[in-house]
Amino acid sequence: MTRALALAIIGCSWGIQRPPATDPGTRPVACTWDYAAPIADVTGALVTGVLATLAGFEMSAIGDDSSEAVGYRNTIWVLGGTGVLVYAFAAHSGFANVARCRQLNKPT
């Protein structure tokens, strides 16, 4: 349960079974072949980006230009941007690993 929660927070694709770095010569190669995890990471990146953007703009619409309010807004945008980057890197890794797995297991 804890691992599933951690992967949902930091990126599902980092929890998939990766293909070996070199071709083992035997088939099938045990690795994750479906794109569910990378697609979930892309979805996470989009949702995180949209929510952070909306929260930042909502704070701007309140009209409080004090340094504390600006600090909160900037913190929301920085944390949201960091979340988007983490999900994007996880998705990139996941798509690359799944593509390699499919290539290794492709019928000849």
PDB file of N, CA and C in Angstrom:
ATOM      1  N   MET A   1       0.822  -1.195   0.000  1.00  0.00           N
ATOM      2  CA  MET A   1       0.000   0.000   0.000  1.00  0.00           C
ATOM      3  C   MET A   1       0.869   1.263   0.000  1.00  0.00           C
ATOM      4  N   THR A   2       1.905   1.274   0.843  1.00  0.00           N
ATOM      5  CA  THR A   2       2.782   2.431   0.916  1.00  0.00           C
ATOM      6  C   THR A   2       3.513   2.639  -0.401  1.00  0.00           C
ATOM      7  N   ARG A   3       3.974   1.541  -1.015  1.00  0.00           N
ATOM      8  CA  ARG A   3       4.680   1.660  -2.293  1.00  0.00           C
ATOM      9  C   ARG A   3       3.746   2.210  -3.373  1.00  0.00           C
ATOM     10  N   ALA A   4       2.511   1.743  -3.402  1.00  0.00           N
ATOM     11  CA  ALA A   4       1.549   2.220  -4.395  1.00  0.00           C
ATOM     12  C   ALA A   4       1.294   3.712  -4.217  1.00  0.00           C
ATOM     13  N   LEU A   5       1.181   4.160  -2.984  1.00  0.00           N
ATOM     14  CA  LEU A   5       0.958   5.576  -2.725  1.00  0.00           C
ATOM     15  C   LEU A   5       2.178   6.399  -3.146  1.00  0.00           C
ATOM     16  N   ALA A   6       3.364   5.901  -2.820  1.00  0.00           N
ATOM     17  CA  ALA A   6       4.585   6.614  -3.203  1.00  0.00           C
ATOM     18  C   ALA A   6       4.707   6.714  -4.718  1.00  0.00           C
ATOM     19  N   LEU A   7       4.402   5.644  -5.438  1.00  0.00           N
ATOM     20  CA  LEU A   7       4.487   5.666  -6.892  1.00  0.00           C
ATOM     21  C   LEU A   7       3.449   6.604  -7.497  1.00  0.00           C
ATOM     22  N   ALA A   8       2.281   6.680  -6.885  1.00  0.00           N
ATOM     23  CA  ALA A   8       1.255   7.595  -7.380  1.00  0.00           C
ATOM     24  C   ALA A   8       1.690   9.045  -7.206  1.00  0.00           C
ATOM     25  N   ILE A   9       2.471   9.298  -6.161  1.00  0.00           N
ATOM     26  CA  ILE A   9       2.921  10.659  -5.908  1.00  0.00           C
ATOM     27  C   ILE A   9       4.105  11.026  -6.794  1.00  0.00           C
ATOM     28  N   ILE A  10       5.055  10.098  -6.981  1.00  0.00           N
ATOM     29  CA  ILE A  10       6.286  10.449  -7.698  1.00  0.00           C
ATOM     30  C   ILE A  10       6.312   9.977  -9.138  1.00  0.00           C
ATOM     31  N   GLY A  11       5.379   9.182  -9.562  1.00  0.00           N
ATOM     32  CA  GLY A  11       5.352   8.722 -10.945  1.00  0.00           C
ATOM     33  C   GLY A  11       5.219   7.214 -11.031  1.00  0.00           C
ATOM     34  N   CYS A  12       4.171   6.773 -11.665  1.00  0.00           N
ATOM     35  CA  CYS A  12       3.889   5.340 -11.780  1.00  0.00           C
ATOM     36  C   CYS A  12       4.946   4.601 -12.595  1.00  0.00           C
ATOM     37  N   SER A  13       5.521   5.272 -13.568  1.00  0.00           N
ATOM     38  CA  SER A  13       6.437   4.602 -14.489  1.00  0.00           C
ATOM     39  C   SER A  13       7.722   4.138 -13.828  1.00  0.00           C
ATOM     40  N   TRP A  14       8.067   4.709 -12.692  1.00  0.00           N
ATOM     41  CA  TRP A  14       9.277   4.273 -12.017  1.00  0.00           C
ATOM     42  C   TRP A  14       9.056   2.974 -11.259  1.00  0.00           C
ATOM     43  N   GLY A  15       7.832   2.483 -11.246  1.00  0.00           N
ATOM     44  CA  GLY A  15       7.541   1.226 -10.582  1.00  0.00           C
ATOM     45  C   GLY A  15       7.324   0.060 -11.539  1.00  0.00           C
ATOM     46  N   ILE A  16       7.473   0.297 -12.842  1.00  0.00           N
ATOM     47  CA  ILE A  16       7.244  -0.783 -13.800  1.00  0.00           C
ATOM     48  C   ILE A  16       8.470  -1.689 -13.870  1.00  0.00           C
ATOM     49  N   GLN A  17       8.259  -2.876 -14.394  1.00  0.00           N
ATOM     50  CA  GLN A  17       9.369  -3.811 -14.569  1.00  0.00           C
ATOM     51  C   GLN A  17      10.100  -3.446 -15.854  1.00  0.00           C
ATOM     52  N   ARG A  18      11.320  -2.999 -15.708  1.00  0.00           N
ATOM     53  CA  ARG A  18      12.106  -2.529 -16.850  1.00  0.00           C
ATOM     54  C   ARG A  18      12.690  -3.708 -17.622  1.00  0.00           C
ATOM     55  N   PRO A  19      12.898  -3.522 -18.927  1.00  0.00           N
ATOM     56  CA  PRO A  19      13.569  -4.562 -19.705  1.00  0.00           C
ATOM     57  C   PRO A  19      15.063  -4.563 -19.377  1.00  0.00           C
ATOM     58  N   PRO A  20      15.736  -5.675 -19.613  1.00  0.00           N
ATOM     59  CA  PRO A  20      17.171  -5.700 -19.356  1.00  0.00           C
ATOM     60  C   PRO A  20      17.917  -4.774 -20.320  1.00  0.00           C
ATOM     61  N   ALA A  21      19.084  -4.316 -19.885  1.00  0.00           N
ATOM     62  CA  ALA A  21      19.881  -3.402 -20.709  1.00  0.00           C
ATOM     63  C   ALA A  21      20.399  -4.081 -21.969  1.00  0.00           C
ATOM     64  N   THR A  22      20.697  -5.354 -21.872  1.00  0.00           N
ATOM     65  CA  THR A  22      21.153  -6.117 -23.036  1.00  0.00           C
ATOM     66  C   THR A  22      20.162  -7.230 -23.323  1.00  0.00           C
ATOM     67  N   ASP A  23      20.088  -7.628 -24.573  1.00  0.00           N
ATOM     68  CA  ASP A  23      19.161  -8.676 -24.986  1.00  0.00           C
ATOM     69  C   ASP A  23      19.581 -10.007 -24.369  1.00  0.00           C
ATOM     70  N   PRO A  24      18.696 -10.624 -23.557  1.00  0.00           N
ATOM     71  CA  PRO A  24      19.069 -11.882 -22.920  1.00  0.00           C
ATOM     72  C   PRO A  24      19.066 -13.067 -23.882  1.00  0.00           C
ATOM     73  N   GLY A  25      18.448 -12.917 -25.037  1.00  0.00           N
ATOM     74  CA  GLY A  25      18.421 -13.982 -26.028  1.00  0.00           C
ATOM     75  C   GLY A  25      17.283 -14.967 -25.844  1.00  0.00           C
ATOM     76  N   THR A  26      16.580 -14.915 -24.741  1.00  0.00           N
ATOM     77  CA  THR A  26      15.431 -15.793 -24.518  1.00  0.00           C
ATOM     78  C   THR A  26      14.155 -14.971 -24.593  1.00  0.00           C
ATOM     79  N   ARG A  27      13.086 -15.621 -25.007  1.00  0.00           N
ATOM     80  CA  ARG A  27      11.794 -14.955 -25.112  1.00  0.00           C
ATOM     81  C   ARG A  27      10.754 -15.760 -24.357  1.00  0.00           C
ATOM     82  N   PRO A  28       9.773 -15.160 -23.789  1.00  0.00           N
ATOM     83  CA  PRO A  28       9.559 -13.717 -23.699  1.00  0.00           C
ATOM     84  C   PRO A  28      10.451 -13.096 -22.632  1.00  0.00           C
ATOM     85  N   VAL A  29      10.756 -11.823 -22.832  1.00  0.00           N
ATOM     86  CA  VAL A  29      11.519 -11.056 -21.851  1.00  0.00           C
ATOM     87  C   VAL A  29      10.519 -10.527 -20.825  1.00  0.00           C
ATOM     88  N   ALA A  30      10.813 -10.756 -19.554  1.00  0.00           N
ATOM     89  CA  ALA A  30       9.906 -10.318 -18.486  1.00  0.00           C
ATOM     90  C   ALA A  30      10.068  -8.811 -18.265  1.00  0.00           C
ATOM     91  N   CYS A  31       9.066  -8.057 -18.688  1.00  0.00           N
ATOM     92  CA  CYS A  31       9.058  -6.607 -18.499  1.00  0.00           C
ATOM     93  C   CYS A  31       7.640  -6.101 -18.750  1.00  0.00           C
ATOM     94  N   THR A  32       7.403  -4.873 -18.370  1.00  0.00           N
ATOM     95  CA  THR A  32       6.081  -4.273 -18.560  1.00  0.00           C
ATOM     96  C   THR A  32       5.928  -3.846 -20.013  1.00  0.00           C
ATOM     97  N   TRP A  33       4.861  -4.311 -20.642  1.00  0.00           N
ATOM     98  CA  TRP A  33       4.666  -4.040 -22.073  1.00  0.00           C
ATOM     99  C   TRP A  33       3.512  -3.092 -22.350  1.00  0.00           C
ATOM    100  N   ASP A  34       2.728  -2.739 -21.330  1.00  0.00           N
ATOM    101  CA  ASP A  34       1.594  -1.838 -21.604  1.00  0.00           C
ATOM    102  C   ASP A  34       1.916  -0.410 -21.171  1.00  0.00           C
ATOM    103  N   TYR A  35       1.225   0.527 -21.785  1.00  0.00           N
ATOM    104  CA  TYR A  35       1.494   1.947 -21.591  1.00  0.00           C
ATOM    105  C   TYR A  35       0.643   2.576 -20.484  1.00  0.00           C
ATOM    106  N   ALA A  36       0.033   1.796 -19.617  1.00  0.00           N
ATOM    107  CA  ALA A  36      -0.852   2.353 -18.591  1.00  0.00           C
ATOM    108  C   ALA A  36      -0.116   3.299 -17.643  1.00  0.00           C
ATOM    109  N   ALA A  37       1.048   2.896 -17.155  1.00  0.00           N
ATOM    110  CA  ALA A  37       1.780   3.724 -16.195  1.00  0.00           C
ATOM    111  C   ALA A  37       2.256   5.045 -16.815  1.00  0.00           C
ATOM    112  N   PRO A  38       2.885   5.031 -18.004  1.00  0.00           N
ATOM    113  CA  PRO A  38       3.282   6.315 -18.578  1.00  0.00           C
ATOM    114  C   PRO A  38       2.096   7.230 -18.893  1.00  0.00           C
ATOM    115  N   ILE A  39       0.996   6.653 -19.301  1.00  0.00           N
ATOM    116  CA  ILE A  39      -0.201   7.467 -19.570  1.00  0.00           C
ATOM    117  C   ILE A  39      -0.720   8.076 -18.266  1.00  0.00           C
ATOM    118  N   ALA A  40      -0.671   7.308 -17.189  1.00  0.00           N
ATOM    119  CA  ALA A  40      -1.075   7.845 -15.883  1.00  0.00           C
ATOM    120  C   ALA A  40      -0.158   8.992 -15.465  1.00  0.00           C
ATOM    121  N   ASP A  41       1.126   8.877 -15.775  1.00  0.00           N
ATOM    122  CA  ASP A  41       2.060   9.958 -15.442  1.00  0.00           C
ATOM    123  C   ASP A  41       1.783  11.214 -16.265  1.00  0.00           C
ATOM    124  N   VAL A  42       1.461  11.052 -17.526  1.00  0.00           N
ATOM    125  CA  VAL A  42       1.097  12.217 -18.353  1.00  0.00           C
ATOM    126  C   VAL A  42      -0.151  12.880 -17.776  1.00  0.00           C
ATOM    127  N   THR A  43      -1.117  12.070 -17.381  1.00  0.00           N
ATOM    128  CA  THR A  43      -2.335  12.591 -16.764  1.00  0.00           C
ATOM    129  C   THR A  43      -2.003  13.327 -15.475  1.00  0.00           C
ATOM    130  N   GLY A  44      -1.129  12.740 -14.656  1.00  0.00           N
ATOM    131  CA  GLY A  44      -0.709  13.398 -13.414  1.00  0.00           C
ATOM    132  C   GLY A  44      -0.043  14.731 -13.678  1.00  0.00           C
ATOM    133  N   ALA A  45       0.803  14.797 -14.697  1.00  0.00           N
ATOM    134  CA  ALA A  45       1.480  16.049 -15.047  1.00  0.00           C
ATOM    135  C   ALA A  45       0.462  17.109 -15.457  1.00  0.00           C
ATOM    136  N   LEU A  46      -0.488  16.713 -16.282  1.00  0.00           N
ATOM    137  CA  LEU A  46      -1.504  17.673 -16.729  1.00  0.00           C
ATOM    138  C   LEU A  46      -2.359  18.176 -15.571  1.00  0.00           C
ATOM    139  N   VAL A  47      -2.814  17.264 -14.730  1.00  0.00           N
ATOM    140  CA  VAL A  47      -3.668  17.658 -13.609  1.00  0.00           C
ATOM    141  C   VAL A  47      -2.897  18.548 -12.636  1.00  0.00           C
ATOM    142  N   THR A  48      -1.662  18.166 -12.331  1.00  0.00           N
ATOM    143  CA  THR A  48      -0.845  18.971 -11.414  1.00  0.00           C
ATOM    144  C   THR A  48      -0.615  20.368 -11.977  1.00  0.00           C
ATOM    145  N   GLY A  49      -0.290  20.457 -13.253  1.00  0.00           N
ATOM    146  CA  GLY A  49      -0.056  21.754 -13.874  1.00  0.00           C
ATOM    147  C   GLY A  49      -1.290  22.632 -13.878  1.00  0.00           C
ATOM    148  N   VAL A  50      -2.415  22.051 -14.225  1.00  0.00           N
ATOM    149  CA  VAL A  50      -3.660  22.825 -14.269  1.00  0.00           C
ATOM    150  C   VAL A  50      -4.053  23.300 -12.868  1.00  0.00           C
ATOM    151  N   LEU A  51      -3.980  22.400 -11.887  1.00  0.00           N
ATOM    152  CA  LEU A  51      -4.372  22.788 -10.529  1.00  0.00           C
ATOM    153  C   LEU A  51      -3.451  23.857  -9.952  1.00  0.00           C
ATOM    154  N   ALA A  52      -2.149  23.726 -10.183  1.00  0.00           N
ATOM    155  CA  ALA A  52      -1.224  24.736  -9.675  1.00  0.00           C
ATOM    156  C   ALA A  52      -1.460  26.090 -10.354  1.00  0.00           C
ATOM    157  N   THR A  53      -1.696  26.050 -11.643  1.00  0.00           N
ATOM    158  CA  THR A  53      -1.962  27.294 -12.375  1.00  0.00           C
ATOM    159  C   THR A  53      -3.247  27.951 -11.882  1.00  0.00           C
ATOM    160  N   LEU A  54      -4.297  27.160 -11.745  1.00  0.00           N
ATOM    161  CA  LEU A  54      -5.564  27.710 -11.269  1.00  0.00           C
ATOM    162  C   LEU A  54      -5.444  28.252  -9.851  1.00  0.00           C
ATOM    163  N   ALA A  55      -4.741  27.526  -8.984  1.00  0.00           N
ATOM    164  CA  ALA A  55      -4.577  27.996  -7.605  1.00  0.00           C
ATOM    165  C   ALA A  55      -3.787  29.303  -7.570  1.00  0.00           C
ATOM    166  N   GLY A  56      -2.752  29.396  -8.372  1.00  0.00           N
ATOM    167  CA  GLY A  56      -1.978  30.633  -8.421  1.00  0.00           C
ATOM    168  C   GLY A  56      -2.782  31.803  -8.935  1.00  0.00           C
ATOM    169  N   PHE A  57      -3.551  31.575  -9.987  1.00  0.00           N
ATOM    170  CA  PHE A  57      -4.378  32.655 -10.521  1.00  0.00           C
ATOM    171  C   PHE A  57      -5.504  33.028  -9.563  1.00  0.00           C
ATOM    172  N   GLU A  58      -6.035  32.053  -8.853  1.00  0.00           N
ATOM    173  CA  GLU A  58      -7.072  32.338  -7.864  1.00  0.00           C
ATOM    174  C   GLU A  58      -6.511  33.235  -6.760  1.00  0.00           C
ATOM    175  N   MET A  59      -5.291  32.948  -6.343  1.00  0.00           N
ATOM    176  CA  MET A  59      -4.670  33.804  -5.330  1.00  0.00           C
ATOM    177  C   MET A  59      -4.417  35.205  -5.885  1.00  0.00           C
ATOM    178  N   SER A  60      -4.099  35.306  -7.161  1.00  0.00           N
ATOM    179  CA  SER A  60      -3.903  36.622  -7.778  1.00  0.00           C
ATOM    180  C   SER A  60      -5.213  37.395  -7.844  1.00  0.00           C
ATOM    181  N   ALA A  61      -6.304  36.677  -8.092  1.00  0.00           N
ATOM    182  CA  ALA A  61      -7.611  37.326  -8.230  1.00  0.00           C
ATOM    183  C   ALA A  61      -8.112  37.880  -6.904  1.00  0.00           C
ATOM    184  N   ILE A  62      -7.615  37.361  -5.803  1.00  0.00           N
ATOM    185  CA  ILE A  62      -8.048  37.862  -4.496  1.00  0.00           C
ATOM    186  C   ILE A  62      -7.642  39.321  -4.337  1.00  0.00           C
ATOM    187  N   GLY A  63      -6.547  39.694  -4.987  1.00  0.00           N
ATOM    188  CA  GLY A  63      -6.130  41.092  -4.970  1.00  0.00           C
ATOM    189  C   GLY A  63      -5.181  41.448  -3.849  1.00  0.00           C
ATOM    190  N   ASP A  64      -4.744  40.472  -3.077  1.00  0.00           N
ATOM    191  CA  ASP A  64      -3.804  40.732  -1.995  1.00  0.00           C
ATOM    192  C   ASP A  64      -2.387  40.713  -2.570  1.00  0.00           C
ATOM    193  N   ASP A  65      -1.774  41.870  -2.664  1.00  0.00           N
ATOM    194  CA  ASP A  65      -0.423  41.971  -3.223  1.00  0.00           C
ATOM    195  C   ASP A  65       0.644  42.083  -2.148  1.00  0.00           C
ATOM    196  N   SER A  66       0.319  41.654  -0.943  1.00  0.00           N
ATOM    197  CA  SER A  66       1.321  41.688   0.120  1.00  0.00           C
ATOM    198  C   SER A  66       2.425  40.681  -0.197  1.00  0.00           C
ATOM    199  N   SER A  67       3.568  40.876   0.400  1.00  0.00           N
ATOM    200  CA  SER A  67       4.695  39.983   0.114  1.00  0.00           C
ATOM    201  C   SER A  67       4.374  38.555   0.557  1.00  0.00           C
ATOM    202  N   GLU A  68       3.574  38.400   1.587  1.00  0.00           N
ATOM    203  CA  GLU A  68       3.203  37.059   2.047  1.00  0.00           C
ATOM    204  C   GLU A  68       2.332  36.350   1.012  1.00  0.00           C
ATOM    205  N   ALA A  69       1.351  37.050   0.465  1.00  0.00           N
ATOM    206  CA  ALA A  69       0.474  36.454  -0.545  1.00  0.00           C
ATOM    207  C   ALA A  69       1.246  36.125  -1.817  1.00  0.00           C
ATOM    208  N   VAL A  70       2.135  37.017  -2.233  1.00  0.00           N
ATOM    209  CA  VAL A  70       2.949  36.760  -3.420  1.00  0.00           C
ATOM    210  C   VAL A  70       3.854  35.560  -3.174  1.00  0.00           C
ATOM    211  N   GLY A  71       4.382  35.446  -1.976  1.00  0.00           N
ATOM    212  CA  GLY A  71       5.218  34.298  -1.626  1.00  0.00           C
ATOM    213  C   GLY A  71       4.449  32.990  -1.700  1.00  0.00           C
ATOM    214  N   TYR A  72       3.221  32.996  -1.185  1.00  0.00           N
ATOM    215  CA  TYR A  72       2.384  31.790  -1.270  1.00  0.00           C
ATOM    216  C   TYR A  72       2.104  31.420  -2.724  1.00  0.00           C
ATOM    217  N   ARG A  73       1.750  32.416  -3.523  1.00  0.00           N
ATOM    218  CA  ARG A  73       1.446  32.167  -4.932  1.00  0.00           C
ATOM    219  C   ARG A  73       2.669  31.601  -5.652  1.00  0.00           C
ATOM    220  N   ASN A  74       3.824  32.183  -5.431  1.00  0.00           N
ATOM    221  CA  ASN A  74       5.043  31.690  -6.074  1.00  0.00           C
ATOM    222  C   ASN A  74       5.393  30.287  -5.598  1.00  0.00           C
ATOM    223  N   THR A  75       5.156  30.009  -4.325  1.00  0.00           N
ATOM    224  CA  THR A  75       5.407  28.665  -3.794  1.00  0.00           C
ATOM    225  C   THR A  75       4.499  27.651  -4.473  1.00  0.00           C
ATOM    226  N   ILE A  76       3.245  27.997  -4.663  1.00  0.00           N
ATOM    227  CA  ILE A  76       2.312  27.101  -5.351  1.00  0.00           C
ATOM    228  C   ILE A  76       2.798  26.820  -6.764  1.00  0.00           C
ATOM    229  N   TRP A  77       3.231  27.852  -7.469  1.00  0.00           N
ATOM    230  CA  TRP A  77       3.687  27.660  -8.848  1.00  0.00           C
ATOM    231  C   TRP A  77       4.984  26.857  -8.907  1.00  0.00           C
ATOM    232  N   VAL A  78       5.896  27.094  -7.983  1.00  0.00           N
ATOM    233  CA  VAL A  78       7.155  26.335  -7.977  1.00  0.00           C
ATOM    234  C   VAL A  78       6.892  24.864  -7.654  1.00  0.00           C
ATOM    235  N   LEU A  79       6.081  24.609  -6.634  1.00  0.00           N
ATOM    236  CA  LEU A  79       5.776  23.216  -6.285  1.00  0.00           C
ATOM    237  C   LEU A  79       4.989  22.529  -7.398  1.00  0.00           C
ATOM    238  N   GLY A  80       4.053  23.247  -8.004  1.00  0.00           N
ATOM    239  CA  GLY A  80       3.303  22.682  -9.124  1.00  0.00           C
ATOM    240  C   GLY A  80       4.203  22.375 -10.304  1.00  0.00           C
ATOM    241  N   GLY A  81       5.103  23.296 -10.614  1.00  0.00           N
ATOM    242  CA  GLY A  81       6.046  23.071 -11.711  1.00  0.00           C
ATOM    243  C   GLY A  81       6.977  21.906 -11.436  1.00  0.00           C
ATOM    244  N   THR A  82       7.409  21.779 -10.192  1.00  0.00           N
ATOM    245  CA  THR A  82       8.251  20.647  -9.813  1.00  0.00           C
ATOM    246  C   THR A  82       7.487  19.338  -9.978  1.00  0.00           C
ATOM    247  N   GLY A  83       6.235  19.327  -9.564  1.00  0.00           N
ATOM    248  CA  GLY A  83       5.414  18.128  -9.733  1.00  0.00           C
ATOM    249  C   GLY A  83       5.240  17.764 -11.191  1.00  0.00           C
ATOM    250  N   VAL A  84       5.024  18.762 -12.030  1.00  0.00           N
ATOM    251  CA  VAL A  84       4.890  18.516 -13.470  1.00  0.00           C
ATOM    252  C   VAL A  84       6.176  17.910 -14.015  1.00  0.00           C
ATOM    253  N   LEU A  85       7.315  18.446 -13.626  1.00  0.00           N
ATOM    254  CA  LEU A  85       8.596  17.911 -14.105  1.00  0.00           C
ATOM    255  C   LEU A  85       8.826  16.474 -13.649  1.00  0.00           C
ATOM    256  N   VAL A  86       8.501  16.176 -12.404  1.00  0.00           N
ATOM    257  CA  VAL A  86       8.675  14.810 -11.900  1.00  0.00           C
ATOM    258  C   VAL A  86       7.810  13.844 -12.699  1.00  0.00           C
ATOM    259  N   TYR A  87       6.545  14.191 -12.895  1.00  0.00           N
ATOM    260  CA  TYR A  87       5.653  13.332 -13.683  1.00  0.00           C
ATOM    261  C   TYR A  87       6.130  13.214 -15.126  1.00  0.00           C
ATOM    262  N   ALA A  88       6.603  14.314 -15.703  1.00  0.00           N
ATOM    263  CA  ALA A  88       7.066  14.283 -17.097  1.00  0.00           C
ATOM    264  C   ALA A  88       8.290  13.383 -17.247  1.00  0.00           C
ATOM    265  N   PHE A  89       9.241  13.474 -16.332  1.00  0.00           N
ATOM    266  CA  PHE A  89      10.413  12.600 -16.390  1.00  0.00           C
ATOM    267  C   PHE A  89      10.016  11.140 -16.201  1.00  0.00           C
ATOM    268  N   ALA A  90       9.069  10.886 -15.288  1.00  0.00           N
ATOM    269  CA  ALA A  90       8.597   9.516 -15.084  1.00  0.00           C
ATOM    270  C   ALA A  90       7.922   8.994 -16.352  1.00  0.00           C
ATOM    271  N   ALA A  91       7.098   9.818 -16.982  1.00  0.00           N
ATOM    272  CA  ALA A  91       6.417   9.402 -18.214  1.00  0.00           C
ATOM    273  C   ALA A  91       7.426   9.110 -19.317  1.00  0.00           C
ATOM    274  N   HIS A  92       8.415   9.975 -19.470  1.00  0.00           N
ATOM    275  CA  HIS A  92       9.446   9.760 -20.496  1.00  0.00           C
ATOM    276  C   HIS A  92      10.166   8.437 -20.266  1.00  0.00           C
ATOM    277  N   SER A  93      10.548   8.192 -19.030  1.00  0.00           N
ATOM    278  CA  SER A  93      11.214   6.938 -18.680  1.00  0.00           C
ATOM    279  C   SER A  93      10.303   5.744 -18.966  1.00  0.00           C
ATOM    280  N   GLY A  94       9.040   5.869 -18.600  1.00  0.00           N
ATOM    281  CA  GLY A  94       8.093   4.776 -18.809  1.00  0.00           C
ATOM    282  C   GLY A  94       7.864   4.469 -20.277  1.00  0.00           C
ATOM    283  N   PHE A  95       7.663   5.503 -21.084  1.00  0.00           N
ATOM    284  CA  PHE A  95       7.463   5.276 -22.517  1.00  0.00           C
ATOM    285  C   PHE A  95       8.692   4.612 -23.147  1.00  0.00           C
ATOM    286  N   ALA A  96       9.890   5.052 -22.750  1.00  0.00           N
ATOM    287  CA  ALA A  96      11.118   4.461 -23.297  1.00  0.00           C
ATOM    288  C   ALA A  96      11.259   3.001 -22.889  1.00  0.00           C
ATOM    289  N   ASN A  97      10.974   2.685 -21.629  1.00  0.00           N
ATOM    290  CA  ASN A  97      11.102   1.299 -21.162  1.00  0.00           C
ATOM    291  C   ASN A  97      10.068   0.375 -21.788  1.00  0.00           C
ATOM    292  N   VAL A  98       8.845   0.850 -21.918  1.00  0.00           N
ATOM    293  CA  VAL A  98       7.802   0.022 -22.536  1.00  0.00           C
ATOM    294  C   VAL A  98       8.115  -0.201 -24.018  1.00  0.00           C
ATOM    295  N   ALA A  99       8.587   0.827 -24.698  1.00  0.00           N
ATOM    296  CA  ALA A  99       8.947   0.670 -26.115  1.00  0.00           C
ATOM    297  C   ALA A  99      10.072  -0.353 -26.268  1.00  0.00           C
ATOM    298  N   ARG A 100      11.071  -0.301 -25.383  1.00  0.00           N
ATOM    299  CA  ARG A 100      12.168  -1.279 -25.433  1.00  0.00           C
ATOM    300  C   ARG A 100      11.653  -2.682 -25.142  1.00  0.00           C
ATOM    301  N   CYS A 101      10.761  -2.823 -24.181  1.00  0.00           N
ATOM    302  CA  CYS A 101      10.179  -4.132 -23.862  1.00  0.00           C
ATOM    303  C   CYS A 101       9.422  -4.686 -25.060  1.00  0.00           C
ATOM    304  N   ARG A 102       8.627  -3.843 -25.696  1.00  0.00           N
ATOM    305  CA  ARG A 102       7.878  -4.294 -26.875  1.00  0.00           C
ATOM    306  C   ARG A 102       8.807  -4.683 -28.013  1.00  0.00           C
ATOM    307  N   GLN A 103       9.886  -3.926 -28.177  1.00  0.00           N
ATOM    308  CA  GLN A 103      10.849  -4.243 -29.223  1.00  0.00           C
ATOM    309  C   GLN A 103      11.509  -5.598 -28.968  1.00  0.00           C
ATOM    310  N   LEU A 104      11.892  -5.852 -27.711  1.00  0.00           N
ATOM    311  CA  LEU A 104      12.523  -7.125 -27.377  1.00  0.00           C
ATOM    312  C   LEU A 104      11.579  -8.312 -27.547  1.00  0.00           C
ATOM    313  N   ASN A 105      10.294  -8.092 -27.273  1.00  0.00           N
ATOM    314  CA  ASN A 105       9.323  -9.174 -27.336  1.00  0.00           C
ATOM    315  C   ASN A 105       8.573  -9.245 -28.667  1.00  0.00           C
ATOM    316  N   LYS A 106       8.966  -8.405 -29.642  1.00  0.00           N
ATOM    317  CA  LYS A 106       8.297  -8.395 -30.932  1.00  0.00           C
ATOM    318  C   LYS A 106       8.581  -9.715 -31.657  1.00  0.00           C
ATOM    319  N   PRO A 107       7.523 -10.344 -32.202  1.00  0.00           N
ATOM    320  CA  PRO A 107       7.752 -11.578 -32.935  1.00  0.00           C
ATOM    321  C   PRO A 107       8.605 -11.323 -34.186  1.00  0.00           C
ATOM    322  N   THR A 108       9.521 -12.225 -34.447  1.00  0.00           N
ATOM    323  CA  THR A 108      10.383 -12.058 -35.614  1.00  0.00           C
ATOM    324  C   THR A 108       9.899 -12.855 -36.797  1.00  0.00           C
TER     325      THR A 108
END
